[in-house]
Structures are given as C-alpha cells and as structure tokens.
Amino acid sequence: RAPVLLLGESGTGKDVAARALHAHAGKAGRGGPLVPVNCAAIPGELAESQLFGHVAGAFSGARVAHKGLFRAAEGGTLFLDEIGDLPPALQPKLLRALEENAVWPVGAVSPLPCDVRFIAATSKDLRADMERGHFRGDLYARLSALVIRLPPLRQRVEDVLPLLAHFLGDPRPRLAPALAEALLLHHWPFNIRELAQVAAALKAAPPASTLDLSLVAERL
C-alpha cells in the first residue's frame, strides 16, 4: 500500500514500471484496477471534479453525479503521471486525500472513504521545484515513501541490445557489427522510447538475414 514515486527522464519506462508494480500488488491480493492520470493534461477548471468527483448540481452542467478518478481506482492503483505538473491549487487537496484515505467530491458536505494505492511519476526535479515554491514539500513527503529512480539508457548500455532484441521479436535477424557499434555508442536522448522507434524502423525494412546500419543511419 505504500506510495511509490518513480523518477526518471522521459522515455525511461516509468509507465511500464507503474504497471509492473500494480501487477505485483494484484498478486498480493490487491485486485482493483490501474487508473492512469496524466497530471499535465488535466484542464485546470475541471481538475478537481475529474480527480475527486462531484455531486449532481455542484456546478453548471453537472446534471448527474460523477465519482471521479480516485474512486474509479477503488481497491487498486491510481497512477499519477507527471505529478510535477499538478496544478498548485490541487496539491493541498491531493495531500488531504492521501492523509485521510478519503475524497471530498465537489459540492459534497462530507468525505467519502477511498481505498487506493498511489504511484506517482515525474521527469522533473521535484526538490528544485520545492525550493522554488512550485511543489509542496509535505506532498512530496507523502508520495515518496518508496522512491525508484529509473536510469537513462545511456547509463545502462548493457541493456541496449537485449531491449532491441525484445522489440524486434522473433525471428531475430543478425545485426551488422557497424549497426551494433552505433547502437551502443548512441547517446539515446529519448531513452527506451527512442530505441523502440529504431526497432520499428528496422522491422519495417525489407527482410534480410543481417540488419545494416544504413537502415537507421539518420537516426543514430
């Protein structure tokens, strides 16, 4: 049940890690759904209602009640992706939900209990954002019971070729030495997401017993 904070550059696989954590929780008896939320994409004027729900008539257009994403994840995991982009006005409300294990729907007169496990992820430096006053320190403390840092692909070069083989699937063609060398020397600014795109380009090439560097030279 402990909240987990996933830190890493864009493309390092934070969403994959979140799904793996949720799957392991399911094996331990926590069988509710995984509900992903992109905090950077939540429209400001609707953010509170989307997360915490609302009662019928809470505002203009709210003809029926909406339970919100928190309660949609009941018994499972709420994955707060790009938590560093959560609007400042929502941060104290999220903190209260974490502390009370309950949500206050917009227009409600009392909280509703909510059994949710939290996983948050960001590519931002939250400590620097805290110093600038952009992210609450008490919310960071609540979300970071367990911190997992996903290293960039350039720091785990030994994973490049195995990951490429995974993306290529079977049958696995041979890599020309020049291609293998270029893959290992590439900086991978967009990490595993970029490697997946290189693999897709290689798979789209005409069938051959050996994959040559010329097929993806412009990408490397």
Protein backbone atom coordinates (compact mmCIF):
# COMPACT_ATOMS: atom_id res chain seq x y z
CA ARG A 1 0.00 0.00 0.00
CA ALA A 2 2.96 2.35 0.40
CA PRO A 3 3.04 5.19 -2.15
CA VAL A 4 5.80 4.90 -4.75
CA LEU A 5 7.49 7.79 -6.56
CA LEU A 6 9.10 6.94 -9.91
CA LEU A 7 11.79 9.38 -11.06
CA GLY A 8 13.42 9.37 -14.47
CA GLU A 9 13.86 11.14 -17.76
CA SER A 10 11.18 10.97 -20.42
CA GLY A 11 11.19 7.59 -22.12
CA THR A 12 12.86 5.60 -19.34
CA GLY A 13 9.79 3.43 -18.79
CA LYS A 14 8.06 4.95 -15.77
CA ASP A 15 4.65 3.85 -17.04
CA VAL A 16 5.93 0.30 -17.56
CA ALA A 17 7.33 0.30 -14.02
CA ALA A 18 3.98 1.53 -12.66
CA ARG A 19 2.14 -1.29 -14.41
CA ALA A 20 4.62 -3.84 -13.06
CA LEU A 21 4.16 -2.54 -9.51
CA HIS A 22 0.40 -2.70 -9.91
CA ALA A 23 0.61 -6.25 -11.28
CA HIS A 24 2.66 -7.39 -8.27
CA ALA A 25 0.13 -5.77 -5.93
CA GLY A 26 -2.56 -7.79 -7.70
CA LYS A 27 -0.66 -10.99 -6.98
CA ALA A 28 -0.65 -9.99 -3.32
CA GLY A 29 -4.43 -9.75 -3.29
CA ARG A 30 -4.95 -6.15 -4.33
CA GLY A 31 -7.01 -6.80 -7.43
CA GLY A 32 -8.56 -3.44 -8.23
CA PRO A 33 -7.93 -1.52 -11.46
CA LEU A 34 -4.98 0.60 -12.50
CA VAL A 35 -6.22 4.10 -13.31
CA PRO A 36 -3.61 6.32 -15.01
CA VAL A 37 -3.90 10.11 -14.73
CA ASN A 38 -1.74 12.49 -16.77
CA CYS A 39 -1.48 15.44 -14.37
CA ALA A 40 -0.09 17.67 -17.14
CA ALA A 41 -3.23 17.15 -19.24
CA ILE A 42 -5.87 17.86 -16.59
CA PRO A 43 -7.74 21.07 -17.52
CA GLY A 44 -7.50 23.47 -14.60
CA GLU A 45 -11.18 24.33 -14.36
CA LEU A 46 -12.23 20.67 -14.34
CA ALA A 47 -9.29 19.15 -12.47
CA GLU A 48 -10.90 18.87 -9.03
CA SER A 49 -14.06 17.29 -10.43
CA GLN A 50 -12.08 14.85 -12.60
CA LEU A 51 -9.97 13.66 -9.68
CA PHE A 52 -12.39 13.74 -6.78
CA GLY A 53 -15.78 13.66 -8.50
CA HIS A 54 -18.81 15.87 -7.94
CA VAL A 55 -22.38 15.63 -6.77
CA ALA A 56 -25.32 16.37 -9.05
CA GLY A 57 -25.91 20.11 -9.28
CA ALA A 58 -22.49 21.02 -7.88
CA PHE A 59 -21.94 23.45 -10.76
CA SER A 60 -23.49 24.44 -14.06
CA GLY A 61 -23.72 21.39 -16.31
CA ALA A 62 -23.33 18.84 -13.50
CA ARG A 63 -26.67 17.14 -14.12
CA VAL A 64 -25.57 13.81 -12.66
CA ALA A 65 -23.03 12.82 -10.04
CA HIS A 66 -19.54 11.78 -11.15
CA LYS A 67 -17.39 9.59 -8.89
CA GLY A 68 -14.01 10.82 -10.19
CA LEU A 69 -10.75 9.04 -10.94
CA PHE A 70 -9.85 8.44 -7.29
CA ARG A 71 -12.91 6.32 -6.62
CA ALA A 72 -12.60 4.70 -10.06
CA ALA A 73 -9.34 3.22 -8.73
CA GLU A 74 -11.03 1.81 -5.59
CA GLY A 75 -9.15 -1.28 -4.37
CA GLY A 76 -6.45 -0.75 -6.97
CA THR A 77 -3.85 1.81 -8.03
CA LEU A 78 -4.07 5.46 -9.02
CA PHE A 79 -1.09 6.26 -11.24
CA LEU A 80 -0.37 9.99 -11.10
CA ASP A 81 1.89 10.50 -14.10
CA GLU A 82 3.74 13.82 -14.50
CA ILE A 83 2.96 14.67 -10.86
CA GLY A 84 5.32 17.65 -11.11
CA ASP A 85 2.78 19.33 -13.41
CA LEU A 86 -0.14 19.01 -10.99
CA PRO A 87 -1.78 22.46 -10.67
CA PRO A 88 -0.73 24.15 -7.40
CA ALA A 89 -4.37 24.59 -6.32
CA LEU A 90 -4.87 20.83 -6.40
CA GLN A 91 -1.79 19.90 -4.40
CA PRO A 92 -3.26 20.53 -0.91
CA LYS A 93 -6.42 18.65 -1.90
CA LEU A 94 -4.38 15.69 -3.10
CA LEU A 95 -2.41 15.80 0.15
CA ARG A 96 -5.63 15.68 2.17
CA ALA A 97 -6.88 12.71 0.15
CA LEU A 98 -3.61 10.89 0.81
CA GLU A 99 -3.67 11.63 4.53
CA GLU A 100 -7.36 10.82 5.10
CA ASN A 101 -7.81 7.97 2.60
CA ALA A 102 -10.92 9.83 1.53
CA VAL A 103 -12.04 12.31 -1.12
CA TRP A 104 -14.32 15.33 -1.00
CA PRO A 105 -16.36 15.43 -4.22
CA VAL A 106 -17.13 18.93 -5.46
CA GLY A 107 -20.34 20.05 -3.78
CA ALA A 108 -20.29 17.27 -1.15
CA VAL A 109 -20.83 18.03 2.54
CA SER A 110 -18.75 15.10 3.82
CA PRO A 111 -15.80 13.00 2.62
CA LEU A 112 -16.11 9.57 1.04
CA PRO A 113 -13.64 6.83 2.06
CA CYS A 114 -11.39 5.66 -0.74
CA ASP A 115 -9.06 2.65 -0.64
CA VAL A 116 -6.42 3.50 -3.26
CA ARG A 117 -2.72 2.76 -3.63
CA PHE A 118 -0.74 5.66 -5.15
CA ILE A 119 2.07 5.57 -7.67
CA ALA A 120 3.41 8.92 -8.92
CA ALA A 121 5.96 9.61 -11.63
CA THR A 122 7.82 12.63 -12.93
CA SER A 123 10.76 13.62 -15.07
CA LYS A 124 11.12 16.87 -13.12
CA ASP A 125 13.44 17.69 -10.23
CA LEU A 126 10.81 17.93 -7.50
CA ARG A 127 13.31 19.05 -4.87
CA ALA A 128 14.27 22.04 -7.04
CA ASP A 129 10.57 22.76 -7.60
CA MET A 130 10.02 22.68 -3.83
CA GLU A 131 12.78 25.24 -3.33
CA ARG A 132 11.11 27.48 -5.92
CA GLY A 133 7.73 27.05 -4.24
CA HIS A 134 6.21 25.18 -7.19
CA PHE A 135 5.68 21.87 -5.39
CA ARG A 136 4.64 21.25 -1.80
CA GLY A 137 7.21 19.61 0.43
CA ASP A 138 4.58 17.86 2.55
CA LEU A 139 3.01 16.35 -0.58
CA TYR A 140 6.44 15.15 -1.74
CA ALA A 141 6.99 13.54 1.66
CA ARG A 142 3.67 11.70 1.39
CA LEU A 143 4.24 10.46 -2.15
CA SER A 144 7.84 9.34 -1.67
CA ALA A 145 7.54 6.52 0.86
CA LEU A 146 9.48 4.49 -1.71
CA VAL A 147 11.49 6.26 -4.42
CA ILE A 148 12.58 4.35 -7.51
CA ARG A 149 14.96 6.05 -9.92
CA LEU A 150 14.96 4.76 -13.49
CA PRO A 151 18.35 5.47 -15.06
CA PRO A 152 18.61 6.84 -18.59
CA LEU A 153 19.51 4.37 -21.32
CA ARG A 154 22.94 5.96 -21.82
CA GLN A 155 23.81 4.80 -18.28
CA ARG A 156 22.71 1.22 -18.93
CA VAL A 157 24.36 0.48 -22.27
CA GLU A 158 24.36 -3.24 -21.48
CA ASP A 159 20.57 -3.17 -21.88
CA VAL A 160 20.51 -1.67 -25.37
CA LEU A 161 20.94 -4.84 -27.43
CA PRO A 162 18.69 -7.06 -25.23
CA LEU A 163 15.96 -4.41 -25.38
CA LEU A 164 16.35 -4.12 -29.14
CA ALA A 165 16.02 -7.90 -29.45
CA HIS A 166 12.84 -7.72 -27.35
CA PHE A 167 11.36 -5.05 -29.60
CA LEU A 168 12.36 -6.88 -32.79
CA GLY A 169 10.79 -10.14 -31.62
CA ASP A 170 11.29 -13.50 -33.29
CA PRO A 171 12.87 -14.46 -35.58
CA ARG A 172 15.74 -12.19 -34.56
CA PRO A 173 17.95 -11.21 -37.51
CA ARG A 174 21.68 -10.71 -37.08
CA LEU A 175 22.97 -7.18 -36.52
CA ALA A 176 25.85 -5.98 -38.67
CA PRO A 177 28.86 -5.05 -36.48
CA ALA A 178 28.65 -1.39 -37.56
CA LEU A 179 24.99 -1.24 -36.52
CA ALA A 180 25.65 -2.86 -33.15
CA GLU A 181 28.52 -0.42 -32.51
CA ALA A 182 26.38 2.60 -33.46
CA LEU A 183 23.59 1.43 -31.14
CA LEU A 184 26.00 1.08 -28.22
CA LEU A 185 27.65 4.46 -28.82
CA HIS A 186 24.44 6.44 -29.37
CA HIS A 187 23.51 8.90 -26.59
CA TRP A 188 19.78 7.97 -26.59
CA PRO A 189 18.38 11.39 -25.61
CA PHE A 190 14.84 9.97 -25.68
CA ASN A 191 15.79 6.72 -23.97
CA ILE A 192 13.82 3.48 -24.46
CA ARG A 193 11.08 5.24 -26.40
CA GLU A 194 13.69 6.20 -28.99
CA LEU A 195 15.10 2.67 -29.07
CA ALA A 196 11.61 1.33 -29.74
CA GLN A 197 11.32 3.68 -32.72
CA VAL A 198 14.66 2.47 -34.08
CA ALA A 199 13.44 -1.11 -33.72
CA ALA A 200 10.23 -0.24 -35.58
CA ALA A 201 12.28 1.23 -38.44
CA LEU A 202 14.42 -1.92 -38.59
CA LYS A 203 11.33 -4.15 -38.63
CA ALA A 204 9.87 -2.09 -41.48
CA ALA A 205 12.93 -2.72 -43.68
CA PRO A 206 12.84 -5.42 -46.37
CA PRO A 207 13.55 -8.89 -44.94
CA ALA A 208 17.25 -9.68 -44.70
CA SER A 209 19.46 -12.09 -42.80
CA THR A 210 21.53 -9.18 -41.45
CA LEU A 211 20.35 -5.73 -40.41
CA ASP A 212 22.67 -3.00 -41.66
CA LEU A 213 23.47 0.42 -40.20
CA SER A 214 22.26 2.12 -43.42
CA LEU A 215 18.68 1.27 -42.45
CA VAL A 216 18.72 3.65 -39.48
CA ALA A 217 21.86 5.74 -40.02
CA GLU A 218 19.89 9.01 -39.97
CA ARG A 219 18.53 8.13 -36.51
CA LEU A 220 21.91 7.26 -34.99
